[in-house]
N, C-alpha and C. Protein backbone atom coordinates (compact mmCIF):
# COMPACT_ATOMS: atom_id res chain seq x y z
N MET A 1 2.97 -1.00 24.68
CA MET A 1 2.79 -1.54 23.33
C MET A 1 2.97 -0.43 22.30
N THR A 2 3.92 -0.61 21.40
CA THR A 2 4.25 0.45 20.45
C THR A 2 4.23 -0.07 19.03
N LEU A 3 3.73 0.75 18.13
CA LEU A 3 3.70 0.44 16.70
C LEU A 3 4.91 1.08 16.03
N PHE A 4 5.66 0.28 15.32
CA PHE A 4 6.80 0.77 14.54
C PHE A 4 6.33 1.04 13.12
N VAL A 5 6.62 2.23 12.62
CA VAL A 5 6.27 2.58 11.23
C VAL A 5 7.45 3.30 10.59
N LYS A 6 7.90 2.78 9.48
CA LYS A 6 8.93 3.48 8.71
C LYS A 6 8.61 3.33 7.24
N SER A 7 8.52 4.47 6.55
CA SER A 7 8.22 4.50 5.12
C SER A 7 9.40 5.11 4.37
N PHE A 8 9.68 4.57 3.20
CA PHE A 8 10.83 5.04 2.42
C PHE A 8 10.61 4.66 0.96
N PRO A 9 11.17 5.46 0.03
CA PRO A 9 10.98 5.19 -1.40
C PRO A 9 11.83 4.02 -1.88
N VAL A 10 11.23 3.18 -2.73
CA VAL A 10 11.94 2.02 -3.29
C VAL A 10 11.60 1.89 -4.78
N GLY A 11 12.45 1.14 -5.47
CA GLY A 11 12.14 0.76 -6.84
C GLY A 11 12.34 1.86 -7.86
N PRO A 12 12.09 1.54 -9.13
CA PRO A 12 12.39 2.46 -10.22
C PRO A 12 11.57 3.74 -10.23
N LEU A 13 10.35 3.70 -9.67
CA LEU A 13 9.50 4.89 -9.64
C LEU A 13 9.36 5.47 -8.23
N GLN A 14 10.23 4.99 -7.31
CA GLN A 14 10.27 5.53 -5.94
C GLN A 14 8.91 5.47 -5.25
N CYS A 15 8.30 4.32 -5.32
CA CYS A 15 7.08 4.05 -4.56
C CYS A 15 7.42 4.05 -3.07
N ASN A 16 6.52 4.59 -2.25
CA ASN A 16 6.73 4.58 -0.81
C ASN A 16 6.37 3.20 -0.25
N CYS A 17 7.38 2.50 0.25
CA CYS A 17 7.21 1.21 0.92
C CYS A 17 7.19 1.47 2.42
N SER A 18 6.36 0.72 3.15
CA SER A 18 6.27 0.91 4.60
C SER A 18 6.45 -0.42 5.33
N VAL A 19 7.30 -0.40 6.34
CA VAL A 19 7.42 -1.52 7.27
C VAL A 19 6.65 -1.12 8.53
N VAL A 20 5.66 -1.94 8.89
CA VAL A 20 4.80 -1.65 10.04
C VAL A 20 4.85 -2.86 10.97
N GLY A 21 5.29 -2.64 12.22
CA GLY A 21 5.48 -3.78 13.11
C GLY A 21 5.06 -3.50 14.53
N CYS A 22 4.72 -4.57 15.23
CA CYS A 22 4.41 -4.52 16.66
C CYS A 22 5.70 -4.73 17.43
N GLU A 23 6.09 -3.74 18.21
CA GLU A 23 7.35 -3.80 18.95
C GLU A 23 7.34 -4.90 20.01
N GLU A 24 6.15 -5.24 20.50
CA GLU A 24 6.06 -6.24 21.57
C GLU A 24 6.19 -7.67 21.03
N THR A 25 5.42 -7.99 19.96
CA THR A 25 5.42 -9.36 19.43
C THR A 25 6.45 -9.56 18.32
N LYS A 26 6.94 -8.44 17.77
CA LYS A 26 7.91 -8.46 16.67
C LYS A 26 7.33 -9.00 15.36
N GLU A 27 5.99 -9.00 15.25
CA GLU A 27 5.35 -9.33 13.98
C GLU A 27 5.20 -8.07 13.15
N ALA A 28 5.36 -8.21 11.84
CA ALA A 28 5.33 -7.02 10.97
C ALA A 28 4.68 -7.35 9.64
N VAL A 29 4.31 -6.28 8.94
CA VAL A 29 3.88 -6.37 7.54
C VAL A 29 4.73 -5.39 6.74
N VAL A 30 4.83 -5.66 5.45
CA VAL A 30 5.44 -4.71 4.53
C VAL A 30 4.36 -4.29 3.53
N ILE A 31 4.16 -3.00 3.42
CA ILE A 31 3.16 -2.47 2.50
C ILE A 31 3.84 -1.94 1.25
N ASP A 32 3.43 -2.44 0.10
CA ASP A 32 3.92 -2.01 -1.22
C ASP A 32 5.43 -2.17 -1.38
N PRO A 33 5.91 -3.42 -1.37
CA PRO A 33 7.34 -3.67 -1.60
C PRO A 33 7.69 -3.58 -3.09
N GLY A 34 7.89 -2.37 -3.57
CA GLY A 34 8.07 -2.14 -4.99
C GLY A 34 9.48 -2.31 -5.52
N GLY A 35 10.40 -2.77 -4.69
CA GLY A 35 11.79 -2.95 -5.12
C GLY A 35 12.74 -2.76 -3.96
N ASP A 36 14.05 -2.76 -4.26
CA ASP A 36 15.08 -2.58 -3.23
C ASP A 36 14.86 -3.53 -2.06
N VAL A 37 14.69 -4.81 -2.37
CA VAL A 37 14.36 -5.81 -1.36
C VAL A 37 15.42 -5.89 -0.26
N GLU A 38 16.69 -5.78 -0.63
CA GLU A 38 17.74 -5.86 0.39
C GLU A 38 17.63 -4.73 1.41
N LYS A 39 17.23 -3.57 0.96
CA LYS A 39 17.02 -2.43 1.87
C LYS A 39 15.87 -2.72 2.84
N ILE A 40 14.81 -3.33 2.33
CA ILE A 40 13.68 -3.70 3.18
C ILE A 40 14.11 -4.75 4.19
N LEU A 41 14.82 -5.77 3.72
CA LEU A 41 15.26 -6.86 4.60
C LEU A 41 16.22 -6.37 5.68
N GLU A 42 17.05 -5.42 5.32
CA GLU A 42 17.99 -4.87 6.29
C GLU A 42 17.25 -4.21 7.45
N LEU A 43 16.21 -3.44 7.13
CA LEU A 43 15.43 -2.78 8.16
C LEU A 43 14.69 -3.81 9.02
N VAL A 44 14.10 -4.81 8.36
CA VAL A 44 13.38 -5.86 9.09
C VAL A 44 14.32 -6.58 10.07
N LYS A 45 15.51 -6.91 9.61
CA LYS A 45 16.49 -7.60 10.46
C LYS A 45 16.95 -6.70 11.61
N GLU A 46 17.18 -5.44 11.29
CA GLU A 46 17.62 -4.47 12.31
C GLU A 46 16.61 -4.36 13.44
N GLN A 47 15.31 -4.46 13.10
CA GLN A 47 14.25 -4.34 14.11
C GLN A 47 13.89 -5.68 14.74
N GLY A 48 14.44 -6.78 14.20
CA GLY A 48 14.12 -8.10 14.74
C GLY A 48 12.73 -8.57 14.43
N PHE A 49 12.17 -8.11 13.30
CA PHE A 49 10.80 -8.44 12.94
C PHE A 49 10.70 -9.75 12.16
N THR A 50 9.55 -10.39 12.31
CA THR A 50 9.13 -11.48 11.44
C THR A 50 8.00 -10.95 10.56
N VAL A 51 8.22 -10.95 9.26
CA VAL A 51 7.22 -10.39 8.33
C VAL A 51 6.16 -11.44 8.03
N LYS A 52 4.91 -11.13 8.37
CA LYS A 52 3.80 -12.09 8.20
C LYS A 52 3.08 -11.90 6.87
N TYR A 53 2.92 -10.63 6.46
CA TYR A 53 2.14 -10.34 5.25
C TYR A 53 2.83 -9.26 4.42
N LEU A 54 2.66 -9.37 3.11
CA LEU A 54 3.02 -8.31 2.17
C LEU A 54 1.71 -7.74 1.66
N LEU A 55 1.38 -6.54 2.11
CA LEU A 55 0.10 -5.91 1.78
C LEU A 55 0.28 -4.97 0.60
N HIS A 56 -0.61 -5.07 -0.37
CA HIS A 56 -0.50 -4.24 -1.57
C HIS A 56 -1.71 -3.33 -1.71
N THR A 57 -1.43 -2.04 -1.81
CA THR A 57 -2.52 -1.09 -2.03
C THR A 57 -3.12 -1.25 -3.41
N HIS A 58 -2.32 -1.72 -4.35
CA HIS A 58 -2.80 -2.05 -5.69
C HIS A 58 -1.67 -2.77 -6.42
N ALA A 59 -1.94 -3.21 -7.64
CA ALA A 59 -0.99 -4.11 -8.30
C ALA A 59 -0.32 -3.50 -9.53
N HIS A 60 -0.12 -2.18 -9.54
CA HIS A 60 0.75 -1.61 -10.57
C HIS A 60 2.18 -2.05 -10.31
N PHE A 61 2.95 -2.20 -11.38
CA PHE A 61 4.26 -2.83 -11.29
C PHE A 61 5.18 -2.18 -10.27
N ASP A 62 5.10 -0.85 -10.13
CA ASP A 62 6.04 -0.16 -9.24
C ASP A 62 5.75 -0.41 -7.76
N HIS A 63 4.62 -1.05 -7.46
CA HIS A 63 4.29 -1.37 -6.08
C HIS A 63 4.45 -2.86 -5.77
N ILE A 64 4.76 -3.68 -6.78
CA ILE A 64 4.82 -5.13 -6.56
C ILE A 64 6.13 -5.76 -7.05
N MET A 65 7.05 -4.98 -7.57
CA MET A 65 8.23 -5.56 -8.20
C MET A 65 9.12 -6.34 -7.23
N GLY A 66 9.08 -6.02 -5.94
CA GLY A 66 9.89 -6.75 -4.97
C GLY A 66 9.15 -7.85 -4.23
N SER A 67 7.88 -8.05 -4.56
CA SER A 67 7.04 -8.94 -3.75
C SER A 67 7.49 -10.39 -3.79
N SER A 68 7.77 -10.91 -4.97
CA SER A 68 8.13 -12.33 -5.08
C SER A 68 9.43 -12.62 -4.33
N LYS A 69 10.42 -11.76 -4.50
CA LYS A 69 11.71 -11.98 -3.84
C LYS A 69 11.56 -11.84 -2.32
N LEU A 70 10.74 -10.88 -1.89
CA LEU A 70 10.56 -10.69 -0.45
C LEU A 70 9.82 -11.87 0.17
N LYS A 71 8.85 -12.41 -0.56
CA LYS A 71 8.17 -13.63 -0.08
C LYS A 71 9.17 -14.78 0.03
N GLU A 72 10.03 -14.90 -0.98
CA GLU A 72 11.04 -15.96 -0.98
C GLU A 72 11.95 -15.86 0.25
N LYS A 73 12.30 -14.63 0.62
CA LYS A 73 13.23 -14.41 1.72
C LYS A 73 12.58 -14.50 3.10
N THR A 74 11.28 -14.19 3.18
CA THR A 74 10.63 -14.09 4.48
C THR A 74 9.53 -15.12 4.71
N GLY A 75 8.97 -15.66 3.64
CA GLY A 75 7.83 -16.57 3.77
C GLY A 75 6.52 -15.85 3.99
N ALA A 76 6.52 -14.53 3.92
CA ALA A 76 5.30 -13.74 4.14
C ALA A 76 4.28 -13.99 3.03
N LYS A 77 3.01 -13.81 3.38
CA LYS A 77 1.93 -14.05 2.42
C LYS A 77 1.66 -12.79 1.58
N ILE A 78 1.54 -12.99 0.27
CA ILE A 78 1.25 -11.90 -0.66
C ILE A 78 -0.26 -11.64 -0.68
N CYS A 79 -0.66 -10.39 -0.39
CA CYS A 79 -2.07 -10.05 -0.21
C CYS A 79 -2.46 -8.85 -1.07
N LEU A 80 -3.60 -8.94 -1.74
CA LEU A 80 -4.16 -7.82 -2.49
C LEU A 80 -5.64 -8.05 -2.69
N HIS A 81 -6.31 -7.12 -3.35
CA HIS A 81 -7.73 -7.30 -3.67
C HIS A 81 -7.85 -8.10 -4.96
N GLU A 82 -8.85 -8.97 -5.00
CA GLU A 82 -9.00 -9.87 -6.15
C GLU A 82 -9.19 -9.13 -7.47
N LYS A 83 -9.78 -7.92 -7.41
CA LYS A 83 -10.02 -7.17 -8.65
C LYS A 83 -8.73 -6.65 -9.27
N ASP A 84 -7.63 -6.74 -8.55
CA ASP A 84 -6.33 -6.35 -9.12
C ASP A 84 -5.48 -7.56 -9.51
N LYS A 85 -6.06 -8.75 -9.43
CA LYS A 85 -5.30 -9.96 -9.77
C LYS A 85 -4.80 -9.91 -11.22
N PHE A 86 -5.64 -9.39 -12.13
CA PHE A 86 -5.24 -9.34 -13.54
C PHE A 86 -4.01 -8.45 -13.74
N LEU A 87 -3.89 -7.41 -12.94
CA LEU A 87 -2.71 -6.55 -13.01
C LEU A 87 -1.50 -7.26 -12.40
N TYR A 88 -1.69 -7.87 -11.27
CA TYR A 88 -0.59 -8.57 -10.59
C TYR A 88 -0.04 -9.68 -11.50
N ASP A 89 -0.93 -10.46 -12.08
CA ASP A 89 -0.50 -11.58 -12.93
C ASP A 89 0.19 -11.10 -14.21
N ASN A 90 -0.06 -9.86 -14.60
CA ASN A 90 0.54 -9.31 -15.82
C ASN A 90 1.69 -8.35 -15.51
N LEU A 91 2.45 -8.66 -14.47
CA LEU A 91 3.59 -7.84 -14.09
C LEU A 91 4.57 -7.65 -15.25
N LYS A 92 4.90 -8.73 -15.95
CA LYS A 92 5.86 -8.64 -17.05
C LYS A 92 5.37 -7.70 -18.14
N MET A 93 4.09 -7.78 -18.46
CA MET A 93 3.51 -6.90 -19.48
C MET A 93 3.58 -5.45 -19.04
N GLN A 94 3.20 -5.19 -17.80
CA GLN A 94 3.25 -3.82 -17.28
C GLN A 94 4.67 -3.26 -17.36
N CYS A 95 5.62 -4.03 -16.88
CA CYS A 95 7.01 -3.57 -16.87
C CYS A 95 7.51 -3.31 -18.29
N GLY A 96 7.16 -4.21 -19.21
CA GLY A 96 7.59 -4.06 -20.60
C GLY A 96 7.11 -2.76 -21.21
N LEU A 97 5.88 -2.37 -20.90
CA LEU A 97 5.32 -1.15 -21.46
C LEU A 97 6.04 0.10 -20.95
N PHE A 98 6.64 -0.01 -19.77
CA PHE A 98 7.35 1.13 -19.18
C PHE A 98 8.87 1.00 -19.29
N GLY A 99 9.31 -0.02 -20.03
CA GLY A 99 10.73 -0.16 -20.29
C GLY A 99 11.53 -0.86 -19.21
N PHE A 100 10.86 -1.62 -18.33
CA PHE A 100 11.53 -2.37 -17.29
C PHE A 100 11.35 -3.87 -17.52
N LYS A 101 12.23 -4.66 -16.90
CA LYS A 101 12.15 -6.11 -17.03
C LYS A 101 11.72 -6.72 -15.70
N ALA A 102 10.95 -7.82 -15.80
CA ALA A 102 10.51 -8.52 -14.59
C ALA A 102 10.25 -9.98 -14.92
N GLU A 103 10.33 -10.81 -13.90
CA GLU A 103 9.94 -12.21 -14.03
C GLU A 103 8.46 -12.34 -13.71
N ASP A 104 7.87 -13.50 -14.07
CA ASP A 104 6.49 -13.76 -13.66
C ASP A 104 6.39 -13.74 -12.14
N PRO A 105 5.33 -13.15 -11.59
CA PRO A 105 5.23 -13.02 -10.13
C PRO A 105 4.85 -14.33 -9.45
N THR A 106 5.23 -14.44 -8.18
CA THR A 106 4.76 -15.54 -7.34
C THR A 106 3.26 -15.39 -7.13
N PRO A 107 2.49 -16.47 -7.18
CA PRO A 107 1.04 -16.36 -7.03
C PRO A 107 0.62 -15.68 -5.72
N THR A 108 -0.51 -15.03 -5.77
CA THR A 108 -1.09 -14.39 -4.59
C THR A 108 -1.50 -15.44 -3.56
N ASP A 109 -1.30 -15.13 -2.29
CA ASP A 109 -1.71 -16.04 -1.22
C ASP A 109 -3.09 -15.73 -0.67
N LEU A 110 -3.40 -14.44 -0.51
CA LEU A 110 -4.67 -14.05 0.10
C LEU A 110 -5.28 -12.88 -0.66
N PHE A 111 -6.59 -12.93 -0.86
CA PHE A 111 -7.32 -11.78 -1.40
C PHE A 111 -8.01 -11.08 -0.23
N LEU A 112 -7.79 -9.78 -0.13
CA LEU A 112 -8.32 -8.99 0.97
C LEU A 112 -9.66 -8.36 0.60
N ASN A 113 -10.54 -8.25 1.59
CA ASN A 113 -11.87 -7.68 1.38
C ASN A 113 -12.08 -6.43 2.22
N ASP A 114 -12.99 -5.58 1.79
CA ASP A 114 -13.32 -4.35 2.49
C ASP A 114 -13.69 -4.64 3.95
N GLU A 115 -13.19 -3.82 4.84
CA GLU A 115 -13.47 -3.87 6.27
C GLU A 115 -12.79 -5.04 6.99
N GLU A 116 -12.06 -5.87 6.26
CA GLU A 116 -11.30 -6.95 6.89
C GLU A 116 -10.18 -6.34 7.73
N GLU A 117 -9.72 -7.08 8.74
CA GLU A 117 -8.61 -6.63 9.56
C GLU A 117 -7.46 -7.62 9.48
N VAL A 118 -6.27 -7.10 9.25
CA VAL A 118 -5.06 -7.91 9.18
C VAL A 118 -4.28 -7.70 10.47
N LYS A 119 -3.98 -8.78 11.17
CA LYS A 119 -3.29 -8.66 12.47
C LYS A 119 -1.81 -8.37 12.27
N ILE A 120 -1.33 -7.37 12.99
CA ILE A 120 0.09 -7.06 13.07
C ILE A 120 0.46 -7.15 14.54
N GLY A 121 0.73 -8.36 15.02
CA GLY A 121 0.94 -8.54 16.45
C GLY A 121 -0.31 -8.16 17.21
N LYS A 122 -0.20 -7.16 18.10
CA LYS A 122 -1.34 -6.72 18.90
C LYS A 122 -2.09 -5.55 18.27
N PHE A 123 -1.73 -5.23 17.01
CA PHE A 123 -2.43 -4.17 16.27
C PHE A 123 -3.19 -4.79 15.11
N ASN A 124 -4.09 -3.99 14.55
CA ASN A 124 -4.83 -4.43 13.37
C ASN A 124 -4.73 -3.38 12.27
N ALA A 125 -4.56 -3.85 11.05
CA ALA A 125 -4.64 -2.97 9.88
C ALA A 125 -5.99 -3.20 9.24
N LYS A 126 -6.81 -2.17 9.21
CA LYS A 126 -8.13 -2.28 8.62
C LYS A 126 -8.05 -2.03 7.11
N VAL A 127 -8.70 -2.91 6.36
CA VAL A 127 -8.71 -2.81 4.90
C VAL A 127 -9.86 -1.90 4.46
N ILE A 128 -9.55 -0.91 3.63
CA ILE A 128 -10.57 -0.01 3.09
C ILE A 128 -10.52 -0.11 1.56
N PHE A 129 -11.61 -0.56 0.96
CA PHE A 129 -11.69 -0.72 -0.49
C PHE A 129 -11.92 0.64 -1.14
N THR A 130 -10.97 1.06 -1.98
CA THR A 130 -11.02 2.40 -2.58
C THR A 130 -10.75 2.34 -4.09
N PRO A 131 -11.64 1.74 -4.86
CA PRO A 131 -11.42 1.63 -6.31
C PRO A 131 -11.34 3.00 -6.97
N GLY A 132 -10.67 3.03 -8.11
CA GLY A 132 -10.55 4.28 -8.88
C GLY A 132 -9.22 4.36 -9.58
N HIS A 133 -8.14 4.31 -8.82
CA HIS A 133 -6.81 4.27 -9.44
C HIS A 133 -6.65 2.96 -10.19
N THR A 134 -7.06 1.88 -9.54
CA THR A 134 -7.23 0.57 -10.16
C THR A 134 -8.55 0.00 -9.65
N PRO A 135 -9.07 -1.06 -10.28
CA PRO A 135 -10.35 -1.62 -9.81
C PRO A 135 -10.29 -2.20 -8.40
N GLY A 136 -9.09 -2.64 -7.99
CA GLY A 136 -8.95 -3.26 -6.68
C GLY A 136 -8.11 -2.48 -5.70
N SER A 137 -8.03 -1.18 -5.86
CA SER A 137 -7.21 -0.36 -4.95
C SER A 137 -7.71 -0.46 -3.51
N LEU A 138 -6.75 -0.55 -2.59
CA LEU A 138 -7.04 -0.63 -1.17
C LEU A 138 -6.24 0.43 -0.41
N CYS A 139 -6.75 0.83 0.74
CA CYS A 139 -5.98 1.60 1.70
C CYS A 139 -5.99 0.81 3.01
N PHE A 140 -4.99 1.07 3.85
CA PHE A 140 -4.88 0.37 5.13
C PHE A 140 -4.80 1.38 6.26
N SER A 141 -5.67 1.21 7.25
CA SER A 141 -5.73 2.13 8.38
C SER A 141 -5.25 1.43 9.65
N VAL A 142 -4.28 2.05 10.32
CA VAL A 142 -3.71 1.49 11.55
C VAL A 142 -3.69 2.60 12.61
N ALA A 143 -4.02 2.24 13.85
CA ALA A 143 -4.05 3.25 14.92
C ALA A 143 -3.15 2.83 16.06
N ASP A 144 -2.36 3.80 16.53
CA ASP A 144 -1.56 3.65 17.76
C ASP A 144 -1.77 4.94 18.54
N GLN A 145 -0.71 5.70 18.82
CA GLN A 145 -0.90 7.03 19.40
C GLN A 145 -1.56 7.96 18.40
N GLU A 146 -1.37 7.68 17.12
CA GLU A 146 -2.02 8.44 16.06
C GLU A 146 -2.64 7.46 15.07
N SER A 147 -3.61 7.95 14.29
CA SER A 147 -4.19 7.14 13.22
C SER A 147 -3.38 7.38 11.95
N ILE A 148 -3.02 6.29 11.29
CA ILE A 148 -2.23 6.37 10.06
C ILE A 148 -2.96 5.66 8.94
N LEU A 149 -3.04 6.29 7.79
CA LEU A 149 -3.64 5.69 6.60
C LEU A 149 -2.56 5.50 5.55
N PHE A 150 -2.41 4.27 5.10
CA PHE A 150 -1.51 3.98 3.99
C PHE A 150 -2.37 3.99 2.73
N ALA A 151 -2.27 5.08 1.98
CA ALA A 151 -3.26 5.38 0.94
C ALA A 151 -2.86 4.92 -0.45
N GLY A 152 -1.66 4.36 -0.61
CA GLY A 152 -1.25 3.96 -1.95
C GLY A 152 -1.34 5.12 -2.92
N ASP A 153 -1.83 4.84 -4.12
CA ASP A 153 -1.95 5.89 -5.13
C ASP A 153 -3.37 6.42 -5.25
N THR A 154 -4.17 6.24 -4.19
CA THR A 154 -5.53 6.81 -4.21
C THR A 154 -5.49 8.30 -3.89
N LEU A 155 -4.82 8.66 -2.79
CA LEU A 155 -4.78 10.06 -2.35
C LEU A 155 -3.33 10.48 -2.15
N PHE A 156 -3.00 11.62 -2.74
CA PHE A 156 -1.66 12.19 -2.60
C PHE A 156 -1.75 13.54 -1.87
N ASN A 157 -0.59 14.09 -1.57
CA ASN A 157 -0.51 15.43 -1.00
C ASN A 157 -0.94 16.43 -2.07
N HIS A 158 -2.16 16.97 -1.90
CA HIS A 158 -2.74 17.93 -2.83
C HIS A 158 -2.97 17.36 -4.23
N SER A 159 -3.14 16.05 -4.32
CA SER A 159 -3.40 15.44 -5.63
C SER A 159 -4.10 14.10 -5.42
N ILE A 160 -4.38 13.41 -6.53
CA ILE A 160 -5.00 12.09 -6.48
C ILE A 160 -4.28 11.21 -7.50
N GLY A 161 -4.53 9.90 -7.42
CA GLY A 161 -3.92 8.97 -8.36
C GLY A 161 -4.46 9.13 -9.77
N ARG A 162 -3.63 8.81 -10.74
CA ARG A 162 -4.07 8.88 -12.14
C ARG A 162 -5.10 7.79 -12.39
N THR A 163 -5.99 8.05 -13.34
CA THR A 163 -7.08 7.10 -13.62
C THR A 163 -7.13 6.71 -15.09
N ASP A 164 -6.02 6.93 -15.81
CA ASP A 164 -6.00 6.65 -17.24
C ASP A 164 -5.30 5.34 -17.58
N LEU A 165 -4.99 4.53 -16.55
CA LEU A 165 -4.40 3.21 -16.79
C LEU A 165 -5.47 2.13 -16.65
N TRP A 166 -5.07 0.88 -16.75
CA TRP A 166 -5.99 -0.25 -16.81
C TRP A 166 -7.04 -0.22 -15.71
N GLY A 167 -8.31 -0.08 -16.08
CA GLY A 167 -9.40 -0.17 -15.12
C GLY A 167 -9.58 1.05 -14.24
N GLY A 168 -8.87 2.13 -14.53
CA GLY A 168 -9.01 3.33 -13.71
C GLY A 168 -10.32 4.06 -13.97
N SER A 169 -10.80 4.79 -12.98
CA SER A 169 -12.04 5.55 -13.11
C SER A 169 -11.97 6.80 -12.24
N PHE A 170 -12.08 7.96 -12.88
CA PHE A 170 -12.04 9.22 -12.13
C PHE A 170 -13.23 9.31 -11.18
N GLU A 171 -14.42 8.92 -11.64
CA GLU A 171 -15.61 8.98 -10.79
C GLU A 171 -15.44 8.09 -9.56
N ASP A 172 -14.88 6.90 -9.77
CA ASP A 172 -14.72 5.97 -8.65
C ASP A 172 -13.70 6.48 -7.64
N ILE A 173 -12.60 7.05 -8.12
CA ILE A 173 -11.58 7.50 -7.16
C ILE A 173 -12.08 8.68 -6.33
N ILE A 174 -12.85 9.57 -6.94
CA ILE A 174 -13.42 10.68 -6.18
C ILE A 174 -14.42 10.16 -5.16
N ASP A 175 -15.25 9.18 -5.55
CA ASP A 175 -16.20 8.58 -4.61
C ASP A 175 -15.46 7.90 -3.46
N SER A 176 -14.36 7.22 -3.78
CA SER A 176 -13.58 6.53 -2.75
C SER A 176 -12.98 7.52 -1.75
N ILE A 177 -12.45 8.61 -2.27
CA ILE A 177 -11.82 9.60 -1.40
C ILE A 177 -12.86 10.29 -0.53
N LYS A 178 -13.93 10.78 -1.15
CA LYS A 178 -14.94 11.52 -0.39
C LYS A 178 -15.76 10.60 0.51
N GLY A 179 -16.11 9.43 -0.01
CA GLY A 179 -17.01 8.55 0.71
C GLY A 179 -16.36 7.66 1.76
N ARG A 180 -15.08 7.38 1.59
CA ARG A 180 -14.40 6.49 2.52
C ARG A 180 -13.28 7.20 3.29
N LEU A 181 -12.35 7.82 2.58
CA LEU A 181 -11.18 8.39 3.26
C LEU A 181 -11.53 9.65 4.03
N PHE A 182 -12.40 10.47 3.47
CA PHE A 182 -12.74 11.73 4.15
C PHE A 182 -13.69 11.52 5.33
N THR A 183 -14.11 10.27 5.58
CA THR A 183 -14.89 9.99 6.79
C THR A 183 -13.98 9.65 7.96
N LEU A 184 -12.68 9.49 7.69
CA LEU A 184 -11.72 9.23 8.76
C LEU A 184 -11.47 10.50 9.57
N ASP A 185 -10.91 10.34 10.74
CA ASP A 185 -10.62 11.49 11.59
C ASP A 185 -9.72 12.49 10.87
N ASP A 186 -10.03 13.77 11.03
CA ASP A 186 -9.27 14.81 10.33
C ASP A 186 -7.78 14.77 10.63
N SER A 187 -7.42 14.29 11.81
CA SER A 187 -6.01 14.29 12.21
C SER A 187 -5.23 13.12 11.62
N THR A 188 -5.89 12.22 10.91
CA THR A 188 -5.24 11.02 10.38
C THR A 188 -4.07 11.40 9.47
N ARG A 189 -2.92 10.82 9.78
CA ARG A 189 -1.74 10.99 8.92
C ARG A 189 -1.88 10.09 7.70
N VAL A 190 -1.62 10.63 6.53
CA VAL A 190 -1.74 9.89 5.28
C VAL A 190 -0.35 9.64 4.70
N VAL A 191 0.03 8.36 4.65
CA VAL A 191 1.26 7.96 3.96
C VAL A 191 0.87 7.66 2.52
N THR A 192 1.35 8.47 1.60
CA THR A 192 0.94 8.35 0.20
C THR A 192 1.82 7.35 -0.55
N GLY A 193 1.37 6.96 -1.74
CA GLY A 193 2.12 5.99 -2.53
C GLY A 193 3.40 6.54 -3.12
N HIS A 194 3.46 7.86 -3.28
CA HIS A 194 4.65 8.55 -3.78
C HIS A 194 4.67 9.94 -3.15
N GLY A 195 5.85 10.40 -2.79
CA GLY A 195 5.96 11.78 -2.30
C GLY A 195 5.68 11.92 -0.82
N GLU A 196 5.34 13.15 -0.43
CA GLU A 196 5.23 13.53 0.97
C GLU A 196 3.94 13.05 1.63
N ASP A 197 4.02 12.82 2.95
CA ASP A 197 2.83 12.56 3.75
C ASP A 197 1.91 13.77 3.74
N THR A 198 0.67 13.55 4.18
CA THR A 198 -0.27 14.66 4.34
C THR A 198 -1.22 14.30 5.48
N LYS A 199 -2.26 15.09 5.66
CA LYS A 199 -3.29 14.81 6.67
C LYS A 199 -4.66 14.83 5.99
N ILE A 200 -5.60 14.10 6.55
CA ILE A 200 -6.94 14.09 5.98
C ILE A 200 -7.53 15.51 5.97
N TRP A 201 -7.36 16.25 7.07
CA TRP A 201 -7.96 17.58 7.11
C TRP A 201 -7.37 18.51 6.04
N THR A 202 -6.07 18.35 5.77
CA THR A 202 -5.42 19.17 4.75
C THR A 202 -6.03 18.90 3.38
N GLU A 203 -6.23 17.63 3.07
CA GLU A 203 -6.76 17.28 1.75
C GLU A 203 -8.23 17.67 1.61
N LYS A 204 -8.99 17.57 2.68
CA LYS A 204 -10.39 18.02 2.65
C LYS A 204 -10.47 19.49 2.26
N ARG A 205 -9.55 20.29 2.79
CA ARG A 205 -9.63 21.74 2.61
C ARG A 205 -8.88 22.25 1.39
N GLU A 206 -7.81 21.53 0.99
CA GLU A 206 -6.90 22.13 0.01
C GLU A 206 -6.70 21.32 -1.25
N ASN A 207 -7.18 20.08 -1.31
CA ASN A 207 -6.93 19.26 -2.50
C ASN A 207 -7.83 19.75 -3.64
N PRO A 208 -7.24 20.25 -4.73
CA PRO A 208 -8.06 20.85 -5.80
C PRO A 208 -8.93 19.86 -6.55
N PHE A 209 -8.63 18.58 -6.47
CA PHE A 209 -9.39 17.59 -7.23
C PHE A 209 -10.69 17.21 -6.56
N VAL A 210 -10.85 17.52 -5.30
CA VAL A 210 -12.04 17.06 -4.57
C VAL A 210 -12.84 18.21 -3.98
N GLN A 211 -12.60 19.41 -4.44
CA GLN A 211 -13.36 20.55 -3.93
C GLN A 211 -14.74 20.60 -4.57
């Protein structure tokens, strides 16, 4: 039984999108489909996957711009935390403020809760509620031969997510990182929302924002 994981930048702000699938059952999820839907679909088809869920670490426009079209193409369920619904529903407003155009988004199918598990074939993605970057920010933890955390814009390589946008809180994001993410195994690989991967142990020791 093997877990397939491939992350790559998509969309206007090069958000890291991840396709995560069970090689045995061919069920998969897409995390943060922020654009370039055809590129995502090509990979899904190449692997023979059926996409069950579109998981969102948060609802800033650069992480959700491809969600409606991907749902249309795959039938996958759109999932996020309820506290980010106001951001998701205001996709057009968000895009307009940053000079991009978007249509109204397809309604959310499922609201995810802390500690919930989302099935990916014979694997589970554990939901970790990490408010701070947005009120409803989530991370997803999946384990195979290694533990992988899809951290969205909560934790970056030697940095953290900005907290000056709608509903952001510096105190909350630090609490989320120290209280939730830094309790994970030190060897956990962190797939960030933008830029390079990192490890939990690296950020514990070297991230200047959480020392």
